[in-house]
Structures are given as C-alpha cells and as structure tokens.
Amino acid sequence: MFRLSEEFGAWRVIAPDRSWHADLNPLRGATIEEDLAARDLTINAMALPLGGGERLDPFGGAADLAAGTLRAVGPASFTDDPLRVLRVARMAAELGFAPDAATVAHGRDAAPAAADVAQERVFAELRRVLASDDPVAGMGWMDRLGLVASLLPELHALHGVEQSHYHHLDVYDHTMAVLEQAVLLRADAAPAFGAARAPAVAAVLAEPLADEADRGVGLMLGALLHDVAKPQTQTDFGGGRIGFPDHDRQGAETSRDILGRLKTSERMRSHVAGLARHHLRLGFLVHQRPLDRGDVYRYLRSCGPVAVDVTVLSVADRLATRGRKADEAIGKHLELARELITDALAWHADGPPAPLVRGDELARELGRPPGPWIADALDGLGEAQYRGDVTTREQALAWARDELRPPPADG
C-alpha cells in the first residue's frame, strides 16, 4: 500500500500477486452523491454500496459505458483538473470509446490550462496513449481537443507545412501516417522484415526503456517527433523542389527539449533524439547499394543503441510516403532494411566486436603519445575487424603500423 495523493488523501492497495489493485479515497463532499458529482466522466461516476444494494448512477454512466461514450459529468470536470482532458484522449485510445460533442467543447475550453499542470502527469498519460493499441486515434482526439496545440506546440506547428512532390501529405498528416505504420510494425513486423526476423524485432521493441515505457513506446515517440524540425528548416529550392536541410539534427535537439519539458529521464531523451538524428541514414544508403561490410559497420556504429529501432522507424517513414515514384522507392528501401535488420539485431544482442588491442597498446606500438587520435584509430580498426580484414591481435597491430604511421617530424 502506498499514498497516491497528499492533497486528496488517496491510497492504493495492490494484491501480492499484482493481479488487482484498489484505490481508497475519502469522500469529496458531504455525501457519496456530491463525491460522484466531482468526478471527471460519467463512466467513472458510479458506485456500489459495500454492504450491497442498488448501484448509484446519477449521471447515466452505465448507459454511456454500454454505448462507448465518454461524457463529462459537467463543465467543472475539466476546470477542476485540466489533465482530465488528456485522460479523455487516453481512454479513447485504450477503450475505443469516443467523447460526445459537449465533452469535446468543454475539453477544448480547458485544454490550454493543461500546459500548467505537472508535466510528469502529462507524460504519464501520453505514454499510455502511445502504449495503447490505437495511438493514432488517441493523437487524433488530442488534436481535436486542443491538447496537441497546448502540450506539444512543436508538433502542432507541422499542420499545413507542405512538402515536395515525393510526399502526398503535409508534415503533420505525414507524421500521423508514420505513427500508423509504426503501430502496424510494432504489432507485426513480418510484412516488412520477413517472418524469420519479426519475432526478434518484436522482442527488442518489448524491452523496457525508461519512465515505465518500453522501446515500442520509444518508437511511437520517434514517429511523432522525427520531423518536428521541418517548419524551421523548410527551404524552397525553386521549380517545385522543397527540402528540409538539417531537420534531422535540429529535430534531435527539439526532441530533447520537448521530452525535457515533459520531465522524462535522460535515457528517454537520448533514445528519441537518436531516432530523430538518424532516421534518414538508411534512406541515404539505398543510393549506395550494394553495400560492403564497412558500410554496414558505419551505419550500425553511427546509430549505436537505436540501430534496430531506427531501422524500423525508417521503414514506417518510407511506407507513409506515397508521392512520386513511391512504389519503386518503397521496394528498394524494404530490400535494404531487410538486409540491415539482421546485422542490427546481432549488434543489439552482442554489441560491436570486442577490440583486439587497447588504445594504450596502439600508442606504445606506434610510439605516439595518447590523444584524441586513439578513438579514431580504434574505430578504424573496429571497421577493419567487422569487414573481416583483421582477425587477430598481430594483424591488428600490423594494420595499425600500416594505417597509422606517426606524422613526420617538423623541419
């Protein structure tokens, strides 16, 4: 048992096997009827007497439950706690319910105030939206309720940002299409990556990440934020050519800022920023095929701990892009993604190859003082090892003597 709220005196009791929990709250008001009137939605404003008797349902919650309707008890439901507006979107995503028109109107009125509540609470609800079976519906309701504008203004700014003829949607609608494709890949990666690889991809996405979220939720956040810097980087090159140079790097920075505002952990910020930073890399490699092992090494080394995740995100991004020559581009992208995902999964499971020599050994062998050059040398040696050009310590030292000769003395 632990305290949920100092302000309201609420406690939570959890069963030893965690199969159920019960929240205990003192009455808000003099009677149970007054307490129910202070609830958020009618489906949460019902009560059963502990000693038995008829259900108390003063606002028609049972009928709304049967109809799948989310109805506010009254206008004060949201002014008392504006975060309840976000709960409406979250419950719509989790339950497949829909708010009625009056609830949407009340929610839109209260949505601006949601930006002033504790941002940890905001992220907890957003996390559940993205962990649900239908994050696209949840985000749709967030947008209609005015929550994207108030809580994620950088995302809201994507509305109406036009793209090149290779896209069929503006940046906001494209982002929602990427989210939809990411949801499908999270549920079943087989159509994109093949039946043999799909279970391993699913296992990676199911791994715990941070902030009570798994990597699947991290993927959803990456889908939402990967193009978040496109408004400020939009460039008209003339002739109908529109581009967004540097939006990957700036998007990584903006993602960190957004998640920092939401009080997430550094691990979550770094993970999602990595997805934004590297989401274009696989697409660039399509034009370099066929790849050698050095190309694969540099892709995995650059993407680091998000190599699997960003490969999945790049596929979702590509599948959601249905402009000019879409089918041809999608086919080539999927072919390469299937090749790289096997290496990415192995890198995720085992890490990069263990170095054959240490940095201090390289410095001693080459007669050079330690310095920043050692990191570059070890990276080059790691690539040679990954390519299979170097397999023993002796070969590694020979490679170093050949490739990293000391610079000539001045004079």
Foldseek 3Di string as FASTA:
>chain_A
DAADDPVFRKDKDADPVRPDIDIDTDADDDDLQVSLLQAFWQLVSKDADPVGDDIDRPQPNVVCVVVLETEGSDLVSCVVPVCVLLVQLLCCQAPVGYYDPVSLVSLLVRQLVNLVPQLLSVVVSLLSCLVGLGVLSSVVSCVSSCNCCRQVVLLVVQPPQDAFLLFDDGRNVLLSQLLVLLSVCLVFVCVLQNPVCSVLLNVQQQDCFFPPHGNSSLLSLLSSQLQSQQVVQWDDPDPRHIDRPPSLQVSLVVLLVSVVSSVTDPRSSNSSSLLSNLLCVLLVCLVVPPDALLSLLVQCVSSPLCSLSSLSSNLSSLVSRHGPPSVVSNVSSSVSSNVNNVVNSVCNVPNQDDQQDDLVVLCVLQVHDDDPVSVVLSSVLSSCVSNVVDDHSVSSSVCSCVVPHPDDDDD
